Amino acid sequence: MRCSRCGRREAAIRLHYSGEALCPSCFIERFEHRVRKAVGRYDMLGPKDRIAVSLSGGKDSLTLLHVLAKIERDFPLSELLAITVDEGIGAHRSEGIEAVRRLCSKLGVEHVVVSFKDLYGITLPGLLKALEDKPGALDPCAYCGVLRRRAINDTARELGADVIAVAHNLDDMVQAGS
């Protein structure tokens, strides 16, 4: 099936909500256009903002940084920076941090890594171990989510950020029950 937008290339993805079948280039173009449109419609960013992007190293946050870097080029008085929180959870986080470092270097974006150990004196696994026999202990995600968000907020404030961008998507919202 041909791309319903350009008609030149083979479609790689079908968007069920719009009925479009798009090639990779047209999908990226459409996605970036929708992000720009949402940023403008909801007045999410100003022309002089210092934007802190919360980066885990996963595909959602890396995509957010990539798209915001393209948008930010149109606003020379604005600035991007990236914040990654290291919860101390081992190899998984190390791989994510390395992916973030590579992309930030490629895009020329300042990257700051903050750790649970430095901020709170304990890693997430250490915290969960200390709480495992406590009555009324919450789900690990409850502790991690609150502590990560505090780390991001505090670091963004220290770095003089005006805006914090996070790559939460609809699936994240549904899973979190928000």
Protein backbone atom coordinates (compact mmCIF):
# COMPACT_ATOMS: atom_id res chain seq x y z
CA MET A 1 0.00 0.00 0.00
CA ARG A 2 1.29 3.45 -0.96
CA CYS A 3 1.58 6.35 1.46
CA SER A 4 -1.73 8.24 1.45
CA ARG A 5 0.11 11.52 1.86
CA CYS A 6 2.97 11.54 -0.65
CA GLY A 7 1.92 8.56 -2.78
CA ARG A 8 5.58 7.86 -3.63
CA ARG A 9 6.70 5.46 -0.93
CA GLU A 10 5.37 2.32 0.67
CA ALA A 11 3.26 2.94 3.77
CA ALA A 12 4.83 1.68 7.01
CA ILE A 13 2.11 2.61 9.50
CA ARG A 14 -1.66 2.91 9.44
CA LEU A 15 -3.29 5.49 11.68
CA HIS A 16 -6.67 4.03 12.50
CA TYR A 17 -8.09 7.24 13.97
CA SER A 18 -7.50 9.17 10.72
CA GLY A 19 -7.52 6.35 8.20
CA GLU A 20 -4.12 7.41 6.86
CA ALA A 21 -1.41 4.99 5.75
CA LEU A 22 1.94 6.76 5.96
CA CYS A 23 5.53 6.15 4.94
CA PRO A 24 8.16 6.82 7.65
CA SER A 25 8.99 10.30 6.33
CA CYS A 26 5.38 11.43 6.16
CA PHE A 27 4.63 9.94 9.60
CA ILE A 28 7.50 11.91 11.17
CA GLU A 29 6.42 15.09 9.39
CA ARG A 30 2.82 14.62 10.54
CA PHE A 31 3.88 13.82 14.11
CA GLU A 32 6.12 16.90 14.34
CA HIS A 33 3.35 19.07 12.89
CA ARG A 34 0.89 17.81 15.52
CA VAL A 35 3.37 18.51 18.33
CA ARG A 36 3.97 22.06 17.04
CA LYS A 37 0.23 22.59 16.74
CA ALA A 38 -0.43 21.38 20.31
CA VAL A 39 2.41 23.51 21.71
CA GLY A 40 0.95 26.57 19.99
CA ARG A 41 -2.69 25.85 20.73
CA TYR A 42 -2.12 25.36 24.44
CA ASP A 43 0.60 28.01 24.74
CA MET A 44 2.97 25.46 26.27
CA LEU A 45 6.24 27.20 25.45
CA GLY A 46 7.38 30.80 25.21
CA PRO A 47 9.98 32.20 22.80
CA LYS A 48 12.50 32.79 25.61
CA ASP A 49 11.82 29.73 27.78
CA ARG A 50 14.52 27.57 29.32
CA ILE A 51 12.96 24.15 28.84
CA ALA A 52 13.97 21.22 31.05
CA VAL A 53 13.15 17.91 29.37
CA SER A 54 12.77 14.95 31.70
CA LEU A 55 14.58 12.07 29.99
CA SER A 56 14.48 8.44 31.03
CA GLY A 57 16.24 7.14 27.93
CA GLY A 58 13.12 5.41 26.64
CA LYS A 59 11.65 6.00 23.20
CA ASP A 60 9.00 8.45 24.39
CA SER A 61 11.36 10.84 26.16
CA LEU A 62 14.07 10.60 23.47
CA THR A 63 11.45 11.41 20.83
CA LEU A 64 10.24 14.37 22.89
CA LEU A 65 13.76 15.78 23.11
CA HIS A 66 14.32 15.29 19.39
CA VAL A 67 11.08 17.08 18.43
CA LEU A 68 11.58 19.89 20.95
CA ALA A 69 15.11 20.41 19.63
CA LYS A 70 13.64 20.96 16.15
CA ILE A 71 11.01 23.36 17.50
CA GLU A 72 13.56 25.20 19.65
CA ARG A 73 15.69 26.00 16.57
CA ASP A 74 12.93 28.40 15.50
CA PHE A 75 13.28 30.28 18.81
CA PRO A 76 16.94 31.32 19.21
CA LEU A 77 16.29 32.94 22.61
CA SER A 78 14.95 29.71 24.11
CA GLU A 79 17.12 26.91 25.45
CA LEU A 80 16.78 23.18 26.05
CA LEU A 81 18.36 21.16 28.81
CA ALA A 82 17.85 17.54 29.80
CA ILE A 83 17.43 16.02 33.25
CA THR A 84 17.81 12.31 33.90
CA VAL A 85 17.09 10.74 37.28
CA ASP A 86 19.20 7.73 38.26
CA GLU A 87 17.19 5.71 40.78
CA GLY A 88 20.06 3.26 41.25
CA ILE A 89 18.22 0.38 39.60
CA GLY A 90 21.20 -1.04 37.73
CA ALA A 91 21.91 -1.88 34.12
CA HIS A 92 18.51 -0.83 32.78
CA ARG A 93 19.00 2.74 33.97
CA SER A 94 22.66 2.79 32.87
CA GLU A 95 21.59 1.92 29.31
CA GLY A 96 18.98 4.67 29.36
CA ILE A 97 21.45 7.24 30.66
CA GLU A 98 23.92 6.31 27.92
CA ALA A 99 21.21 6.70 25.24
CA VAL A 100 20.35 10.12 26.66
CA ARG A 101 24.01 11.19 26.73
CA ARG A 102 24.46 10.24 23.07
CA LEU A 103 21.36 12.12 21.91
CA CYS A 104 22.12 15.20 24.02
CA SER A 105 25.65 15.29 22.64
CA LYS A 106 24.36 14.96 19.08
CA LEU A 107 21.79 17.75 19.61
CA GLY A 108 24.09 20.02 21.65
CA VAL A 109 21.77 19.92 24.69
CA GLU A 110 23.08 20.30 28.25
CA HIS A 111 22.46 17.06 30.19
CA VAL A 112 22.29 16.74 33.97
CA VAL A 113 22.04 13.42 35.80
CA VAL A 114 20.78 13.44 39.39
CA SER A 115 20.69 10.35 41.58
CA PHE A 116 18.40 9.14 44.31
CA LYS A 117 21.54 8.26 46.31
CA ASP A 118 22.83 11.86 46.17
CA LEU A 119 19.43 13.48 46.74
CA TYR A 120 17.86 11.14 49.27
CA GLY A 121 20.80 9.16 50.65
CA ILE A 122 19.41 5.87 49.36
CA THR A 123 18.73 4.13 46.04
CA LEU A 124 15.24 3.02 45.06
CA PRO A 125 16.10 -0.67 45.65
CA GLY A 126 17.49 0.27 49.07
CA LEU A 127 14.32 2.18 49.93
CA LEU A 128 12.09 -0.68 48.83
CA LYS A 129 14.17 -3.16 50.84
CA ALA A 130 13.82 -0.96 53.95
CA LEU A 131 10.04 -0.78 53.45
CA GLU A 132 9.34 -4.40 52.49
CA ASP A 133 8.23 -5.54 55.96
CA LYS A 134 6.46 -2.33 56.93
CA PRO A 135 2.68 -2.55 57.25
CA GLY A 136 0.85 -0.28 54.83
CA ALA A 137 3.77 0.02 52.42
CA LEU A 138 2.70 1.32 49.03
CA ASP A 139 3.40 -0.02 45.55
CA PRO A 140 7.03 0.68 44.49
CA CYS A 141 5.78 2.91 41.65
CA ALA A 142 4.17 5.24 44.19
CA TYR A 143 7.49 5.95 45.90
CA CYS A 144 9.50 6.11 42.70
CA GLY A 145 7.05 8.41 40.91
CA VAL A 146 6.89 10.95 43.71
CA LEU A 147 10.65 10.95 44.33
CA ARG A 148 11.48 11.16 40.61
CA ARG A 149 9.12 14.08 40.10
CA ARG A 150 10.56 15.90 43.11
CA ALA A 151 14.09 15.32 41.77
CA ILE A 152 13.08 16.70 38.36
CA ASN A 153 11.26 19.71 39.83
CA ASP A 154 14.07 20.61 42.24
CA THR A 155 16.78 20.19 39.59
CA ALA A 156 14.83 22.20 37.01
CA ARG A 157 14.37 24.99 39.55
CA GLU A 158 18.09 24.95 40.41
CA LEU A 159 18.94 25.17 36.69
CA GLY A 160 16.61 28.12 36.14
CA ALA A 161 14.12 26.27 33.93
CA ASP A 162 10.82 27.98 33.12
CA VAL A 163 9.12 24.85 31.82
CA ILE A 164 9.41 21.11 32.43
CA ALA A 165 8.53 18.82 29.53
CA VAL A 166 7.72 15.17 30.21
CA ALA A 167 6.91 12.50 27.66
CA HIS A 168 3.77 11.11 29.23
CA ASN A 169 1.44 9.69 26.64
CA LEU A 170 -2.16 8.50 26.75
CA ASP A 171 -1.10 4.95 27.65
CA ASP A 172 0.85 6.31 30.63
CA MET A 173 -2.18 8.30 31.76
CA VAL A 174 -4.46 5.26 31.54
CA GLN A 175 -1.99 3.01 33.40
CA ALA A 176 -1.53 5.59 36.17
CA GLY A 177 -5.28 6.01 36.54
CA SER A 178 -5.00 9.77 35.97
